[in-house]
């Protein structure tokens, strides 16, 4: 007897008891849907990591400044940041492991144009910020060295500022007020959405750093320095050299005093995101294993019940010449069909869950080929594994005993 005939006989047997078939398939579908969601979480996490890396730039170090107080007399103390523009220039000029350096000085300001206003984050920086932090232009140009030298009052604005102030119209060449100081728009950034911390990157306005320091912030320090290593292999070396250079420049070399700055690489910046996704994945994996185990147990119970209820049928087939091997094949085919049906139902439910979670709830999920292929193969595999015992019981029935059973 061929497998094709076994499948036909199995399909007829399953359609004679549709509710039992649906119960078996549904119990397995719940577990498969959980597995689909598990793969969706994994695919979403991988996509989020790639987007985070692309958004931050590659081979990146973030040098953070600490807030200190001067040693002035009581009542006259001043607060200052520990990083300066000269520190960033020294890093760029003296370290061979460093490809680019982009210092930033930033604060929030009101952006005004034509009676409309928007609160934005103004970042004073250099042309290298475009590469280090992967800033993509939608229109116009980026900041250049001439803007820095001339303390030009030019700005590259984010997508949200364009929507708030210009209602999506082309703003190039327009003059707007940043904290009351007029700036000319020379570029527009492409919309990027939220970064890995959940804050939007589209409410930023980029201006030359010297212009920001002298005309807007009235400071001579920077908040942060982004350092791009020449390659991923050089990232650790660049971090060591940056730390050593800054300790020397800040008078800390040879002392036991702690650093007055922080150095974070991309691995550290992504670690929190990865840990949170890993914890959620472990929780979902446990739930998926529990649901799949319950589904397999239900499939086994229903298959054993089917063998018991169809003892007369099995005995009759054995009595007229069917071989135990053929009985085994038929029941394996039945469980395979149930597994395929349960897999399809699970894929449907899991796929809808991924789409709803991604588009309506904003979860980091992704519907990939792995989240479709692997769960379906798992459903077929577990159905065959858990169908072996009932099939063997059916094949080993004594025809005379089976025919006498009610």
Protein backbone atom coordinates (compact mmCIF):
# COMPACT_ATOMS: atom_id res chain seq x y z
CA UNK A 1 0.00 0.00 0.00
CA UNK A 2 1.47 3.32 -1.01
CA UNK A 3 1.77 6.42 1.16
CA UNK A 4 -0.62 8.24 -1.17
CA UNK A 5 -3.34 5.66 -0.46
CA UNK A 6 -2.53 5.83 3.26
CA UNK A 7 -3.04 9.57 3.16
CA UNK A 8 -6.39 9.19 1.40
CA UNK A 9 -7.58 6.64 3.95
CA UNK A 10 -6.29 8.78 6.79
CA UNK A 11 -8.05 11.86 5.47
CA UNK A 12 -11.34 9.98 5.24
CA UNK A 13 -10.89 8.71 8.79
CA UNK A 14 -10.18 12.21 10.07
CA UNK A 15 -13.16 13.76 8.29
CA UNK A 16 -15.46 11.15 9.86
CA UNK A 17 -14.60 12.64 13.27
CA UNK A 18 -14.15 16.37 12.50
CA UNK A 19 -14.44 17.63 16.07
CA UNK A 20 -11.85 15.20 17.36
CA UNK A 21 -9.54 16.14 14.48
CA UNK A 22 -10.04 19.84 15.18
CA UNK A 23 -9.36 19.30 18.88
CA UNK A 24 -6.08 17.51 18.13
CA UNK A 25 -4.99 20.15 15.63
CA UNK A 26 -5.99 23.03 17.93
CA UNK A 27 -4.04 21.68 20.88
CA UNK A 28 -0.95 21.49 18.69
CA UNK A 29 -1.68 24.87 17.04
CA UNK A 30 -1.42 26.69 20.38
CA UNK A 31 2.12 25.43 20.88
CA UNK A 32 3.11 26.17 17.28
CA UNK A 33 1.72 29.71 17.55
CA UNK A 34 3.90 30.26 20.62
CA UNK A 35 6.93 28.96 18.71
CA UNK A 36 6.12 31.34 15.83
CA UNK A 37 6.01 34.25 18.28
CA UNK A 38 9.31 33.09 19.76
CA UNK A 39 10.97 33.18 16.35
CA UNK A 40 9.28 36.53 15.73
CA UNK A 41 10.84 37.96 18.89
CA UNK A 42 14.25 36.66 17.82
CA UNK A 43 13.90 38.15 14.35
CA UNK A 44 12.67 41.44 15.80
CA UNK A 45 15.56 41.61 18.25
CA UNK A 46 18.07 40.99 15.47
CA UNK A 47 16.47 43.68 13.34
CA UNK A 48 16.46 46.08 16.30
CA UNK A 49 20.18 45.46 16.89
CA UNK A 50 20.95 46.17 13.24
CA UNK A 51 18.85 49.33 13.26
CA UNK A 52 20.48 50.48 16.50
CA UNK A 53 23.96 49.93 15.06
CA UNK A 54 23.03 51.71 11.83
CA UNK A 55 21.47 54.55 13.78
CA UNK A 56 24.50 55.06 16.00
CA UNK A 57 27.15 54.44 13.41
CA UNK A 58 29.67 51.60 13.39
CA UNK A 59 32.79 51.03 15.51
CA UNK A 60 31.70 53.83 17.82
CA UNK A 61 32.87 54.96 21.24
CA UNK A 62 30.89 57.48 23.27
CA UNK A 63 33.02 59.59 25.61
CA UNK A 64 30.83 61.14 28.30
CA UNK A 65 31.63 64.23 30.31
CA UNK A 66 31.21 64.54 34.07
CA UNK A 67 29.78 67.59 35.79
CA UNK A 68 32.21 69.19 38.25
CA UNK A 69 32.26 72.21 40.51
CA UNK A 70 35.14 74.66 40.57
CA UNK A 71 37.10 75.25 43.76
CA UNK A 72 35.88 78.81 44.14
CA UNK A 73 34.85 80.35 47.46
CA UNK A 74 31.54 79.41 48.99
CA UNK A 75 28.69 81.03 47.14
CA UNK A 76 30.77 81.65 44.01
CA UNK A 77 31.36 78.09 42.84
CA UNK A 78 30.65 77.33 39.17
CA UNK A 79 29.78 74.09 37.46
CA UNK A 80 31.55 72.84 34.36
CA UNK A 81 31.94 69.78 32.14
CA UNK A 82 35.23 67.92 32.05
CA UNK A 83 35.54 67.51 28.25
CA UNK A 84 36.59 70.28 25.88
CA UNK A 85 36.84 70.81 22.16
CA UNK A 86 40.63 70.60 22.56
CA UNK A 87 40.23 67.08 23.96
CA UNK A 88 38.38 65.98 20.84
CA UNK A 89 41.03 67.56 18.61
CA UNK A 90 43.80 65.77 20.51
CA UNK A 91 42.01 62.44 20.09
CA UNK A 92 41.66 63.02 16.35
CA UNK A 93 45.26 64.14 15.82
CA UNK A 94 47.22 61.86 18.16
CA UNK A 95 45.54 58.42 18.01
CA UNK A 96 46.13 56.21 14.97
CA UNK A 97 43.35 53.82 16.00
CA UNK A 98 40.79 56.59 15.57
CA UNK A 99 39.23 57.37 12.19
CA UNK A 100 36.86 60.23 13.07
CA UNK A 101 35.89 62.34 16.07
CA UNK A 102 32.67 64.29 16.54
CA UNK A 103 32.23 66.38 19.71
CA UNK A 104 28.78 67.65 20.64
CA UNK A 105 27.48 70.41 22.89
CA UNK A 106 23.74 70.33 23.31
CA UNK A 107 20.70 71.80 25.03
CA UNK A 108 16.99 72.29 24.46
CA UNK A 109 15.76 75.46 22.75
CA UNK A 110 12.58 76.84 21.29
CA UNK A 111 12.62 76.87 17.51
CA UNK A 112 10.48 79.62 15.97
CA UNK A 113 9.32 80.39 12.46
CA UNK A 114 6.43 82.52 11.25
CA UNK A 115 4.64 82.61 14.60
CA UNK A 116 4.98 78.84 15.10
CA UNK A 117 7.32 77.22 17.63
CA UNK A 118 8.68 73.81 18.54
CA UNK A 119 10.89 72.69 21.40
CA UNK A 120 13.91 70.84 19.97
CA UNK A 121 17.32 69.54 20.98
CA UNK A 122 20.03 71.72 19.47
CA UNK A 123 23.31 69.89 18.93
CA UNK A 124 26.47 71.77 18.14
CA UNK A 125 28.84 69.47 16.31
CA UNK A 126 31.29 69.05 13.43
CA UNK A 127 31.00 67.65 9.87
CA UNK A 128 32.27 64.24 11.07
CA UNK A 129 29.06 63.79 13.06
CA UNK A 130 27.35 62.89 9.79
CA UNK A 131 29.49 59.74 9.45
CA UNK A 132 30.03 58.78 13.08
CA UNK A 133 26.32 58.91 13.92
CA UNK A 134 24.95 57.97 10.50
CA UNK A 135 23.04 61.16 9.79
CA UNK A 136 21.28 60.85 6.42
CA UNK A 137 20.18 63.92 4.51
CA UNK A 138 16.76 64.16 2.90
CA UNK A 139 17.55 67.50 1.25
CA UNK A 140 20.26 70.17 1.15
CA UNK A 141 23.73 69.79 2.60
CA UNK A 142 25.40 68.98 5.90
CA UNK A 143 27.62 71.21 8.02
CA UNK A 144 31.12 71.77 6.58
CA UNK A 145 34.49 73.05 7.76
CA UNK A 146 33.81 76.55 6.37
CA UNK A 147 30.74 76.81 8.63
CA UNK A 148 32.93 76.00 11.64
CA UNK A 149 35.64 78.49 10.72
CA UNK A 150 33.20 81.34 10.06
CA UNK A 151 30.96 80.60 13.08
CA UNK A 152 28.18 80.46 10.52
CA UNK A 153 24.61 80.55 11.74
CA UNK A 154 23.39 77.64 9.62
CA UNK A 155 21.30 74.68 10.69
CA UNK A 156 20.43 71.17 9.58
CA UNK A 157 17.01 70.34 10.97
CA UNK A 158 15.20 67.10 11.74
CA UNK A 159 12.00 65.79 10.22
CA UNK A 160 9.80 66.72 13.19
CA UNK A 161 10.87 70.38 13.02
CA UNK A 162 9.94 70.41 9.34
CA UNK A 163 6.47 69.05 10.17
CA UNK A 164 5.92 71.38 13.15
CA UNK A 165 7.14 74.63 11.60
CA UNK A 166 6.86 74.20 7.85
CA UNK A 167 4.01 71.67 7.61
CA UNK A 168 6.16 69.45 5.41
CA UNK A 169 7.09 72.23 2.95
CA UNK A 170 10.68 72.61 1.71
CA UNK A 171 12.52 74.74 4.33
CA UNK A 172 15.90 75.15 2.61
CA UNK A 173 17.08 78.75 2.70
CA UNK A 174 14.47 79.79 5.27
CA UNK A 175 15.55 81.74 8.36
CA UNK A 176 14.32 80.60 11.74
CA UNK A 177 15.07 81.58 15.33
CA UNK A 178 16.95 79.16 17.61
CA UNK A 179 16.71 80.51 21.14
CA UNK A 180 16.16 83.96 19.63
CA UNK A 181 19.23 83.75 17.35
CA UNK A 182 18.54 83.66 13.58
CA UNK A 183 19.81 80.64 11.64
CA UNK A 184 19.51 79.69 7.97
CA UNK A 185 18.32 76.18 7.11
CA UNK A 186 20.84 74.48 4.81
CA UNK A 187 19.82 70.85 5.20
CA UNK A 188 17.03 68.48 6.29
CA UNK A 189 17.65 65.11 7.93
CA UNK A 190 15.80 61.98 6.87
CA UNK A 191 13.29 60.69 9.38
CA UNK A 192 14.86 58.10 11.71
CA UNK A 193 12.30 57.52 14.45
CA UNK A 194 13.23 56.44 17.96
CA UNK A 195 16.72 55.38 19.00
CA UNK A 196 17.57 52.37 21.17
CA UNK A 197 16.53 54.27 24.34
CA UNK A 198 13.10 55.01 22.92
CA UNK A 199 13.66 58.78 22.41
CA UNK A 200 13.05 60.29 19.00
CA UNK A 201 15.95 61.45 16.85
CA UNK A 202 13.78 63.63 14.61
CA UNK A 203 13.50 66.64 16.93
CA UNK A 204 17.17 67.56 16.56
CA UNK A 205 18.71 70.66 15.03
CA UNK A 206 22.40 70.48 14.14
CA UNK A 207 24.54 73.64 14.10
CA UNK A 208 28.33 74.24 13.98
CA UNK A 209 29.80 73.52 17.40
CA UNK A 210 31.65 76.84 17.81
CA UNK A 211 28.49 78.70 16.88
CA UNK A 212 26.56 76.72 19.49
CA UNK A 213 29.16 77.28 22.18
CA UNK A 214 29.52 81.04 21.65
CA UNK A 215 26.12 82.21 20.41
CA UNK A 216 23.70 79.81 22.09
CA UNK A 217 25.21 77.98 25.08
CA UNK A 218 27.95 80.38 26.23
CA UNK A 219 30.23 77.50 27.27
CA UNK A 220 33.71 76.30 26.38
CA UNK A 221 33.12 72.59 27.10
CA UNK A 222 31.39 69.75 25.25
CA UNK A 223 28.87 67.23 26.59
CA UNK A 224 30.09 64.20 24.69
CA UNK A 225 32.65 63.10 22.14
CA UNK A 226 31.85 60.37 19.62
CA UNK A 227 34.93 58.48 18.48
CA UNK A 228 34.87 56.12 15.50
CA UNK A 229 37.63 53.52 15.42
CA UNK A 230 39.29 52.63 12.11
CA UNK A 231 37.82 49.12 12.35
CA UNK A 232 35.91 46.85 14.68
CA UNK A 233 39.14 45.08 15.62
CA UNK A 234 40.64 48.40 16.72
CA UNK A 235 37.71 49.39 18.91
CA UNK A 236 39.16 48.00 22.15
CA UNK A 237 42.54 49.53 21.42
CA UNK A 238 40.93 52.89 20.66
CA UNK A 239 39.09 52.80 24.00
CA UNK A 240 42.35 52.17 25.89
CA UNK A 241 44.20 54.91 24.04
CA UNK A 242 41.40 57.43 24.49
CA UNK A 243 41.27 56.74 28.22
CA UNK A 244 45.04 57.06 28.56
CA UNK A 245 45.17 60.29 26.53
CA UNK A 246 42.34 61.97 28.44
CA UNK A 247 43.77 61.02 31.83
CA UNK A 248 47.06 62.57 30.76
CA UNK A 249 45.38 65.75 29.49
CA UNK A 250 43.27 66.07 32.65
CA UNK A 251 46.23 65.66 34.99
CA UNK A 252 45.18 62.22 36.24
CA UNK A 253 48.04 60.15 34.82
CA UNK A 254 49.92 58.24 37.49
CA UNK A 255 47.32 58.97 40.18
CA UNK A 256 44.71 56.75 41.76
CA UNK A 257 41.99 59.29 41.08
CA UNK A 258 39.09 57.90 39.06
CA UNK A 259 38.39 59.03 35.51
CA UNK A 260 36.46 62.29 35.19
CA UNK A 261 34.84 60.95 32.03
CA UNK A 262 33.21 57.74 30.82
CA UNK A 263 34.02 55.57 27.81
CA UNK A 264 31.31 53.34 26.38
CA UNK A 265 31.55 51.22 23.26
CA UNK A 266 28.74 49.87 21.11
CA UNK A 267 28.75 46.55 22.90
CA UNK A 268 28.01 48.30 26.19
CA UNK A 269 25.41 50.58 24.60
CA UNK A 270 23.56 47.57 23.12
CA UNK A 271 23.97 45.31 26.17
CA UNK A 272 20.91 46.67 27.98
CA UNK A 273 18.71 46.21 24.92
CA UNK A 274 20.06 42.72 24.33
CA UNK A 275 19.57 41.71 27.98
CA UNK A 276 15.96 42.88 28.02
CA UNK A 277 15.19 41.04 24.78
CA UNK A 278 16.96 37.92 26.04
CA UNK A 279 14.90 37.92 29.24
CA UNK A 280 11.68 38.26 27.25
CA UNK A 281 12.82 35.53 24.87
CA UNK A 282 13.52 33.16 27.77
CA UNK A 283 10.06 33.80 29.19
CA UNK A 284 8.44 33.23 25.81
CA UNK A 285 10.56 30.12 25.22
CA UNK A 286 9.29 28.65 28.48
CA UNK A 287 5.70 29.43 27.57
CA UNK A 288 6.23 28.02 24.06
CA UNK A 289 7.71 24.80 25.47
CA UNK A 290 4.81 24.47 27.93
CA UNK A 291 2.19 25.10 25.22
CA UNK A 292 3.90 22.75 22.78
CA UNK A 293 4.20 20.06 25.47
CA UNK A 294 0.51 20.34 26.29
CA UNK A 295 -0.31 20.21 22.58
CA UNK A 296 1.77 17.08 22.09
CA UNK A 297 0.16 15.47 25.14
CA UNK A 298 -3.28 16.28 23.75
CA UNK A 299 -2.32 14.83 20.37
CA UNK A 300 -1.07 11.64 22.01
CA UNK A 301 -4.25 11.26 24.08
CA UNK A 302 -6.57 11.83 21.14
CA UNK A 303 -4.56 9.41 18.96
CA UNK A 304 -4.79 6.69 21.61
CA UNK A 305 -8.51 7.34 21.90
CA UNK A 306 -8.83 7.03 18.11
CA UNK A 307 -7.03 3.66 18.15
CA UNK A 308 -9.32 2.39 20.90
CA UNK A 309 -12.51 3.53 19.17
CA UNK A 310 -11.44 2.05 15.84
CA UNK A 311 -10.41 -1.38 17.11
CA UNK A 312 -13.09 -3.08 15.00
CA UNK A 313 -11.89 -1.32 11.86
CA UNK A 314 -8.27 -2.25 12.59
CA UNK A 315 -9.20 -5.88 13.33
CA UNK A 316 -11.22 -6.14 10.13
CA UNK A 317 -8.37 -4.82 8.01
CA UNK A 318 -5.93 -7.22 9.65
CA UNK A 319 -8.36 -10.12 9.16
CA UNK A 320 -8.70 -9.52 5.40
CA UNK A 321 -4.94 -9.46 4.89
CA UNK A 322 -3.60 -6.02 5.83
CA UNK A 323 -0.09 -6.14 7.26
CA UNK A 324 0.81 -4.54 10.62
CA UNK A 325 3.24 -2.33 8.69
CA UNK A 326 0.32 -0.94 6.66
CA UNK A 327 -1.69 -0.20 9.81
CA UNK A 328 1.35 1.56 11.25
CA UNK A 329 1.74 3.65 8.09
CA UNK A 330 -1.92 4.67 8.08
CA UNK A 331 -1.92 5.93 11.66
CA UNK A 332 1.38 7.73 11.16
CA UNK A 333 -0.15 9.37 8.10
CA UNK A 334 -3.13 10.45 10.21
CA UNK A 335 -0.96 12.05 12.87
CA UNK A 336 1.11 13.68 10.12
CA UNK A 337 -2.03 15.22 8.63
CA UNK A 338 -3.13 16.41 12.06
CA UNK A 339 0.34 17.86 12.60
CA UNK A 340 0.22 19.64 9.24
CA UNK A 341 -3.24 21.05 10.02
CA UNK A 342 -2.13 22.14 13.49
CA UNK A 343 1.00 23.67 12.02
CA UNK A 344 -1.02 25.70 9.50
CA UNK A 345 -3.39 26.91 12.21
CA UNK A 346 -0.47 27.77 14.48
CA UNK A 347 1.29 29.67 11.68
CA UNK A 348 -1.89 31.63 11.00
CA UNK A 349 -2.42 32.56 14.65
CA UNK A 350 1.25 33.30 15.27
CA UNK A 351 1.59 35.33 12.06
CA UNK A 352 -1.45 37.43 12.95
CA UNK A 353 -0.01 37.91 16.44
CA UNK A 354 3.29 39.15 15.01
CA UNK A 355 1.58 41.57 12.61
CA UNK A 356 -0.75 42.93 15.30
CA UNK A 357 2.06 43.26 17.83
CA UNK A 358 4.33 44.96 15.33
CA UNK A 359 1.91 47.40 13.72
CA UNK A 360 -0.63 48.14 16.44
CA UNK A 361 1.30 47.66 19.69
CA UNK A 362 4.75 48.73 18.50
CA UNK A 363 6.52 45.55 19.65
CA UNK A 364 9.86 44.55 18.18
CA UNK A 365 8.68 41.53 16.19
CA UNK A 366 9.53 40.34 12.69
CA UNK A 367 7.82 37.81 10.42
CA UNK A 368 10.75 36.02 8.76
CA UNK A 369 11.13 32.81 6.79
CA UNK A 370 12.53 31.12 9.90
CA UNK A 371 9.39 31.97 11.86
CA UNK A 372 7.33 30.19 9.20
CA UNK A 373 9.49 27.25 8.12
CA UNK A 374 10.89 26.00 11.42
CA UNK A 375 7.61 25.95 13.41
CA UNK A 376 5.86 24.07 10.59
CA UNK A 377 8.65 21.48 10.49
CA UNK A 378 8.46 21.24 14.28
CA UNK A 379 4.71 20.57 14.09
CA UNK A 380 5.25 17.74 11.60
CA UNK A 381 8.13 16.33 13.61
CA UNK A 382 6.38 16.27 16.98
CA UNK A 383 3.19 14.87 15.45
CA UNK A 384 5.10 11.95 13.98
CA UNK A 385 7.12 11.38 17.16
CA UNK A 386 4.04 11.43 19.39
CA UNK A 387 2.07 9.41 16.84
CA UNK A 388 4.49 6.48 16.83
CA UNK A 389 3.21 4.92 20.07
CA UNK A 390 -0.51 4.96 19.11
CA UNK A 391 0.39 3.68 15.62
CA UNK A 392 2.44 0.83 17.08
CA UNK A 393 -0.42 -0.09 19.43
CA UNK A 394 -2.77 -0.18 16.44
CA UNK A 395 -0.34 -2.33 14.41
CA UNK A 396 0.11 -4.81 17.27
CA UNK A 397 -3.59 -5.46 17.90
CA UNK A 398 -4.69 -9.08 17.69
CA UNK A 399 -7.32 -9.28 14.91
CA UNK A 400 -9.60 -11.64 16.85
CA UNK A 401 -9.45 -9.55 20.03
CA UNK A 402 -9.97 -6.38 18.01
CA UNK A 403 -13.03 -7.78 16.20
CA UNK A 404 -14.61 -8.88 19.50
CA UNK A 405 -14.13 -5.43 21.07
CA UNK A 406 -17.08 -3.05 21.13
